[in-house]
Amino acid sequence: MRMKTFSFSVTSAVIMLLLAAGCTSGYKPVILVHGVFSGPSSFKNLSRFIKKAHPGTEVTAIDLFNNEKSTKSMWKQIDDFAKVIQKIMEKSPEGVHLLCYSQGGLICRGVLSKLPNHNVHNFIVLSSPLAGQFGVPEMLHEFIPVSGRKLVYLICYRRVVQRHFSICNYWNDPHRRVKDLKFNNFLPLLNGEKAHGKMAEWKKNFLRIKKLVLIGGPGDDVITPWQSSHFGFYNSNEAIIEMKKQNFYRKNTFGLKTLDTRGDLIVCTQSGVKHMEWHSNQSVFEKCIQKWLD
């Protein structure tokens, strides 16, 4: 009788452990990549939201190119972030989710384009200048007038600056598209607006993702225009041309139209959220992020 009781107890314990393991292993690891002038500590609230909603989720905020080091060239950052992300993926054969904020969204796009065997399922991009930046953040208006943005190209489109300063790598002056295509060595290549020999390879790699989730909104006081977070941007008259009318979408240069046709492109718009609030706003997490981390 004692043997039966002991056997039953052991069996129950094993079942409970298996059930517990099943509950936690259902969530894929989440990798977080920070924005410019920031670091992994900025994801404190977001990490807490994820772990509370999905207990047992392994969340990694990558500790690399923090604060002032985040202004190094985008290609340099992409190469180094790729090495770290690759190691995390190798430990997670079931796949991972990639959640990237602001400048980090462009870094992650570069990583996904260059890594041929990545296993990223859902790529979530939180308020990122995906189609470029053409604006002085409100926080700098005291020092740089809004009109000053029309002179930024004099600095950003210099080859030496392109090699060393990340923000200039995605500066996009709609009044000087010829100069942008000629001198910008990052965003036009990533978006396939400037032809190069690895376009087909990068597109194939990028399309390994299952879902692309774009998050942004009109309250953002940094990303200019805010529609850049949804692949929209200014034309030469500074009117907004939405994503589906952009040449890189229509020509499907890097796979954006393919994702949309597949039903794997999700756009989430939230009003009233300032740039520094996206990764600590619980409503944004619940409405735009949570369900894509299952």
Protein backbone atom coordinates (compact mmCIF):
# COMPACT_ATOMS: atom_id res chain seq x y z
CA MET A 1 0.00 0.00 0.00
CA ARG A 2 2.83 2.36 0.83
CA MET A 3 4.53 1.52 -2.48
CA LYS A 4 1.35 2.45 -4.39
CA THR A 5 1.07 5.76 -2.53
CA PHE A 6 4.72 6.56 -3.17
CA SER A 7 4.36 5.63 -6.86
CA PHE A 8 1.26 7.82 -7.19
CA SER A 9 3.07 10.75 -5.57
CA VAL A 10 6.07 10.46 -7.88
CA THR A 11 3.82 10.16 -10.93
CA SER A 12 1.84 13.25 -9.88
CA ALA A 13 5.03 15.23 -9.36
CA VAL A 14 6.34 14.24 -12.80
CA ILE A 15 3.05 15.23 -14.44
CA MET A 16 3.07 18.58 -12.66
CA LEU A 17 6.64 19.25 -13.79
CA LEU A 18 5.80 18.34 -17.37
CA LEU A 19 2.75 20.59 -17.31
CA ALA A 20 4.80 23.44 -15.88
CA ALA A 21 7.45 22.95 -18.52
CA GLY A 22 4.77 22.92 -21.21
CA CYS A 23 3.35 26.20 -19.95
CA THR A 24 6.67 28.03 -20.10
CA SER A 25 8.23 26.42 -23.16
CA GLY A 26 5.32 27.56 -25.32
CA TYR A 27 6.77 31.08 -25.46
CA LYS A 28 9.69 31.77 -27.72
CA PRO A 29 12.66 33.76 -26.41
CA VAL A 30 12.46 37.50 -27.05
CA ILE A 31 15.47 39.57 -28.11
CA LEU A 32 15.36 43.35 -27.53
CA VAL A 33 17.52 45.91 -29.37
CA HIS A 34 17.66 49.49 -28.08
CA GLY A 35 17.68 52.84 -29.88
CA VAL A 36 20.17 55.68 -30.22
CA PHE A 37 21.58 57.30 -27.05
CA SER A 38 20.12 54.44 -25.05
CA GLY A 39 20.91 50.98 -23.73
CA PRO A 40 19.39 47.74 -22.42
CA SER A 41 18.23 49.40 -19.18
CA SER A 42 15.59 51.29 -21.20
CA PHE A 43 13.70 48.00 -21.56
CA LYS A 44 13.10 47.49 -17.84
CA ASN A 45 9.34 48.05 -18.06
CA LEU A 46 8.91 46.23 -21.35
CA SER A 47 10.75 43.18 -20.01
CA ARG A 48 8.45 43.22 -16.99
CA PHE A 49 5.36 43.42 -19.20
CA ILE A 50 6.53 40.45 -21.26
CA LYS A 51 7.38 38.24 -18.28
CA LYS A 52 4.12 39.04 -16.54
CA ALA A 53 2.00 38.32 -19.61
CA HIS A 54 4.03 35.26 -20.64
CA PRO A 55 5.62 33.72 -17.53
CA GLY A 56 8.85 31.88 -18.17
CA THR A 57 9.74 33.81 -21.32
CA GLU A 58 13.46 34.29 -21.77
CA VAL A 59 14.00 38.00 -22.49
CA THR A 60 17.41 39.30 -23.58
CA ALA A 61 18.07 43.03 -23.95
CA ILE A 62 21.35 43.11 -25.83
CA ASP A 63 24.11 45.04 -24.04
CA LEU A 64 25.99 46.54 -26.97
CA PHE A 65 26.69 50.00 -28.44
CA ASN A 66 25.10 51.75 -25.49
CA ASN A 67 24.52 55.50 -25.10
CA GLU A 68 27.08 57.59 -27.03
CA LYS A 69 28.50 54.45 -28.68
CA SER A 70 25.13 54.00 -30.39
CA THR A 71 26.13 56.67 -32.92
CA LYS A 72 28.74 54.47 -34.58
CA SER A 73 28.03 53.57 -38.19
CA MET A 74 24.98 51.40 -38.81
CA TRP A 75 26.89 48.73 -40.73
CA LYS A 76 29.38 48.37 -37.87
CA GLN A 77 26.54 47.99 -35.37
CA ILE A 78 24.68 45.55 -37.61
CA ASP A 79 27.71 43.27 -37.94
CA ASP A 80 28.32 43.19 -34.17
CA PHE A 81 24.65 42.83 -33.19
CA ALA A 82 24.36 39.99 -35.72
CA LYS A 83 27.08 38.01 -33.93
CA VAL A 84 25.28 38.30 -30.58
CA ILE A 85 21.84 37.55 -32.05
CA GLN A 86 23.25 34.55 -33.92
CA LYS A 87 24.53 33.03 -30.66
CA ILE A 88 21.15 33.48 -28.99
CA MET A 89 19.38 31.86 -31.94
CA GLU A 90 21.74 28.88 -31.90
CA LYS A 91 20.59 28.19 -28.34
CA SER A 92 16.94 28.52 -29.40
CA PRO A 93 16.35 26.13 -32.33
CA GLU A 94 12.59 26.55 -31.90
CA GLY A 95 12.94 30.16 -33.01
CA VAL A 96 12.92 33.60 -31.42
CA HIS A 97 11.04 36.89 -31.61
CA LEU A 98 12.92 40.12 -32.34
CA LEU A 99 11.61 43.38 -30.85
CA CYS A 100 13.56 46.47 -31.83
CA TYR A 101 13.06 50.11 -30.88
CA SER A 102 13.80 53.32 -32.82
CA GLN A 103 17.26 53.13 -34.46
CA GLY A 104 17.33 49.52 -33.29
CA GLY A 105 14.59 48.72 -35.79
CA LEU A 106 16.92 49.58 -38.66
CA ILE A 107 19.77 47.66 -37.04
CA CYS A 108 17.55 44.60 -36.80
CA ARG A 109 16.43 44.97 -40.41
CA GLY A 110 20.08 44.93 -41.42
CA VAL A 111 20.74 41.85 -39.30
CA LEU A 112 17.75 40.00 -40.79
CA SER A 113 18.87 40.92 -44.30
CA LYS A 114 22.43 39.72 -43.83
CA LEU A 115 21.91 36.54 -41.77
CA PRO A 116 21.06 33.68 -44.16
CA ASN A 117 19.87 31.14 -41.61
CA HIS A 118 18.15 33.20 -38.94
CA ASN A 119 15.15 31.71 -37.16
CA VAL A 120 13.29 34.90 -36.23
CA HIS A 121 9.55 34.32 -36.22
CA ASN A 122 7.97 37.69 -35.49
CA PHE A 123 9.89 40.90 -36.08
CA ILE A 124 8.30 43.73 -34.10
CA VAL A 125 9.49 47.26 -34.92
CA LEU A 126 8.69 49.88 -32.32
CA SER A 127 8.71 53.51 -33.55
CA SER A 128 11.60 53.25 -35.99
CA PRO A 129 12.58 55.58 -38.87
CA LEU A 130 12.20 52.78 -41.40
CA ALA A 131 11.85 55.09 -44.39
CA GLY A 132 14.28 57.62 -42.97
CA GLN A 133 14.38 60.68 -40.74
CA PHE A 134 13.89 64.29 -41.82
CA GLY A 135 13.29 66.34 -38.74
CA VAL A 136 14.77 67.87 -35.62
CA PRO A 137 13.25 66.33 -32.46
CA GLU A 138 11.14 68.68 -30.34
CA MET A 139 13.60 68.28 -27.50
CA LEU A 140 16.27 69.99 -29.65
CA HIS A 141 14.18 72.86 -31.01
CA GLU A 142 15.68 75.18 -28.43
CA PHE A 143 19.10 74.61 -29.94
CA ILE A 144 18.31 73.79 -33.58
CA PRO A 145 15.40 75.46 -35.38
CA VAL A 146 13.07 73.29 -37.41
CA SER A 147 14.35 75.05 -40.53
CA GLY A 148 17.81 73.74 -39.69
CA ARG A 149 16.88 70.32 -41.04
CA LYS A 150 17.24 71.67 -44.57
CA LEU A 151 20.95 72.18 -43.96
CA VAL A 152 21.70 68.83 -42.33
CA TYR A 153 22.50 67.30 -45.71
CA LEU A 154 25.62 69.47 -45.89
CA ILE A 155 27.03 67.35 -43.08
CA CYS A 156 25.26 64.01 -43.44
CA TYR A 157 25.93 63.45 -47.12
CA ARG A 158 29.69 63.64 -46.72
CA ARG A 159 31.36 60.27 -47.21
CA VAL A 160 33.48 60.55 -44.07
CA VAL A 161 30.39 61.26 -41.95
CA GLN A 162 28.50 58.37 -43.53
CA ARG A 163 31.29 56.06 -42.42
CA HIS A 164 31.11 57.11 -38.78
CA PHE A 165 27.75 58.56 -37.71
CA SER A 166 24.64 56.37 -37.53
CA ILE A 167 21.99 59.09 -37.63
CA CYS A 168 23.31 60.31 -40.98
CA ASN A 169 22.99 56.76 -42.32
CA TYR A 170 19.20 57.09 -42.26
CA TRP A 171 18.86 60.84 -42.76
CA ASN A 172 16.61 61.22 -45.79
CA ASP A 173 16.26 64.68 -47.31
CA PRO A 174 13.23 64.57 -49.66
CA HIS A 175 14.44 67.73 -51.42
CA ARG A 176 17.76 66.14 -52.34
CA ARG A 177 16.97 62.61 -53.42
CA VAL A 178 19.78 62.56 -55.97
CA LYS A 179 22.34 63.37 -53.29
CA ASP A 180 20.76 60.87 -50.89
CA LEU A 181 20.98 58.05 -53.41
CA LYS A 182 24.53 58.98 -54.33
CA PHE A 183 26.06 59.55 -50.90
CA ASN A 184 23.96 57.64 -48.35
CA ASN A 185 25.67 54.27 -47.90
CA PHE A 186 23.00 52.62 -45.75
CA LEU A 187 19.25 53.22 -46.05
CA PRO A 188 18.95 53.32 -49.86
CA LEU A 189 20.81 49.99 -49.95
CA LEU A 190 18.68 48.44 -47.22
CA ASN A 191 15.46 49.60 -48.89
CA GLY A 192 16.66 48.50 -52.31
CA GLU A 193 16.36 52.01 -53.73
CA LYS A 194 19.98 51.82 -54.86
CA ALA A 195 20.72 48.62 -56.75
CA HIS A 196 23.49 46.35 -55.45
CA GLY A 197 24.67 42.80 -55.94
CA LYS A 198 23.15 41.36 -52.77
CA MET A 199 19.58 42.57 -53.20
CA ALA A 200 18.14 39.13 -54.00
CA GLU A 201 20.07 37.49 -51.16
CA TRP A 202 19.02 40.11 -48.60
CA LYS A 203 15.39 39.86 -49.71
CA LYS A 204 15.40 36.09 -49.37
CA ASN A 205 16.92 36.32 -45.89
CA PHE A 206 14.50 39.00 -44.72
CA LEU A 207 11.49 36.99 -45.91
CA ARG A 208 12.37 34.17 -43.50
CA ILE A 209 10.40 36.05 -40.84
CA LYS A 210 6.82 34.95 -40.18
CA LYS A 211 5.32 38.34 -39.29
CA LEU A 212 6.41 41.98 -39.53
CA VAL A 213 4.71 44.22 -36.97
CA LEU A 214 5.04 47.99 -37.46
CA ILE A 215 4.20 50.21 -34.50
CA GLY A 216 4.06 54.02 -34.41
CA GLY A 217 1.75 56.98 -34.11
CA PRO A 218 1.16 60.74 -34.54
CA GLY A 219 2.16 61.62 -30.97
CA ASP A 220 5.79 60.69 -31.60
CA ASP A 221 7.99 63.75 -31.07
CA VAL A 222 11.20 62.34 -32.59
CA ILE A 223 10.50 60.22 -35.69
CA THR A 224 9.81 62.69 -38.51
CA PRO A 225 7.55 62.13 -40.23
CA TRP A 226 6.00 59.70 -37.75
CA GLN A 227 4.66 57.72 -40.73
CA SER A 228 8.24 56.59 -41.35
CA SER A 229 7.58 53.99 -38.64
CA HIS A 230 5.03 52.53 -41.10
CA PHE A 231 7.30 52.98 -44.17
CA GLY A 232 5.61 56.22 -45.22
CA PHE A 233 7.63 59.34 -46.03
CA TYR A 234 7.63 62.83 -47.52
CA ASN A 235 7.76 63.61 -51.21
CA SER A 236 9.60 66.70 -52.47
CA ASN A 237 6.63 68.87 -51.41
CA GLU A 238 6.70 67.34 -47.92
CA ALA A 239 3.37 65.64 -48.47
CA ILE A 240 3.16 62.14 -46.98
CA ILE A 241 3.38 59.24 -49.40
CA GLU A 242 2.07 56.18 -47.59
CA MET A 243 3.80 52.81 -47.63
CA LYS A 244 1.94 51.15 -50.49
CA LYS A 245 2.76 54.03 -52.83
CA GLN A 246 6.47 53.98 -52.07
CA ASN A 247 8.68 52.67 -54.88
CA PHE A 248 10.31 50.09 -52.62
CA TYR A 249 6.87 48.64 -51.87
CA ARG A 250 5.57 48.73 -55.45
CA LYS A 251 8.79 47.22 -56.82
CA ASN A 252 9.00 44.83 -53.86
CA THR A 253 12.72 45.51 -53.58
CA PHE A 254 13.23 43.88 -50.18
CA GLY A 255 10.06 41.85 -49.67
CA LEU A 256 7.64 44.31 -48.06
CA LYS A 257 4.91 43.71 -50.66
CA THR A 258 5.41 39.95 -50.38
CA LEU A 259 4.83 40.10 -46.63
CA ASP A 260 1.69 42.17 -47.19
CA THR A 261 0.39 39.78 -49.84
CA ARG A 262 1.05 36.86 -47.50
CA GLY A 263 -1.01 38.56 -44.81
CA ASP A 264 2.06 38.80 -42.63
CA LEU A 265 2.37 42.59 -42.43
CA ILE A 266 0.68 44.14 -39.39
CA VAL A 267 0.41 47.88 -38.75
CA CYS A 268 -0.51 49.18 -35.30
CA THR A 269 -1.11 52.90 -34.77
CA GLN A 270 -1.28 54.44 -31.29
CA SER A 271 -1.94 58.15 -30.77
CA GLY A 272 -0.61 60.28 -27.94
CA VAL A 273 2.57 58.28 -27.29
CA LYS A 274 5.82 60.24 -27.17
CA HIS A 275 8.96 58.66 -28.52
CA MET A 276 10.51 57.86 -25.15
CA GLU A 277 7.28 56.23 -23.95
CA TRP A 278 6.79 53.46 -26.51
CA HIS A 279 8.73 50.80 -24.61
CA SER A 280 7.22 51.64 -21.20
CA ASN A 281 3.57 52.15 -22.20
CA GLN A 282 1.47 49.20 -21.05
CA SER A 283 -1.37 50.03 -23.43
CA VAL A 284 1.03 49.86 -26.40
CA PHE A 285 2.27 46.51 -25.16
CA GLU A 286 -1.21 45.07 -24.72
CA LYS A 287 -2.65 46.38 -28.00
CA CYS A 288 0.32 46.12 -30.36
CA ILE A 289 2.91 43.70 -28.99
CA GLN A 290 1.64 41.04 -26.59
CA LYS A 291 -0.19 38.73 -29.02
CA TRP A 292 2.80 38.60 -31.36
CA LEU A 293 5.02 37.12 -28.63
CA ASP A 294 3.03 33.89 -28.25
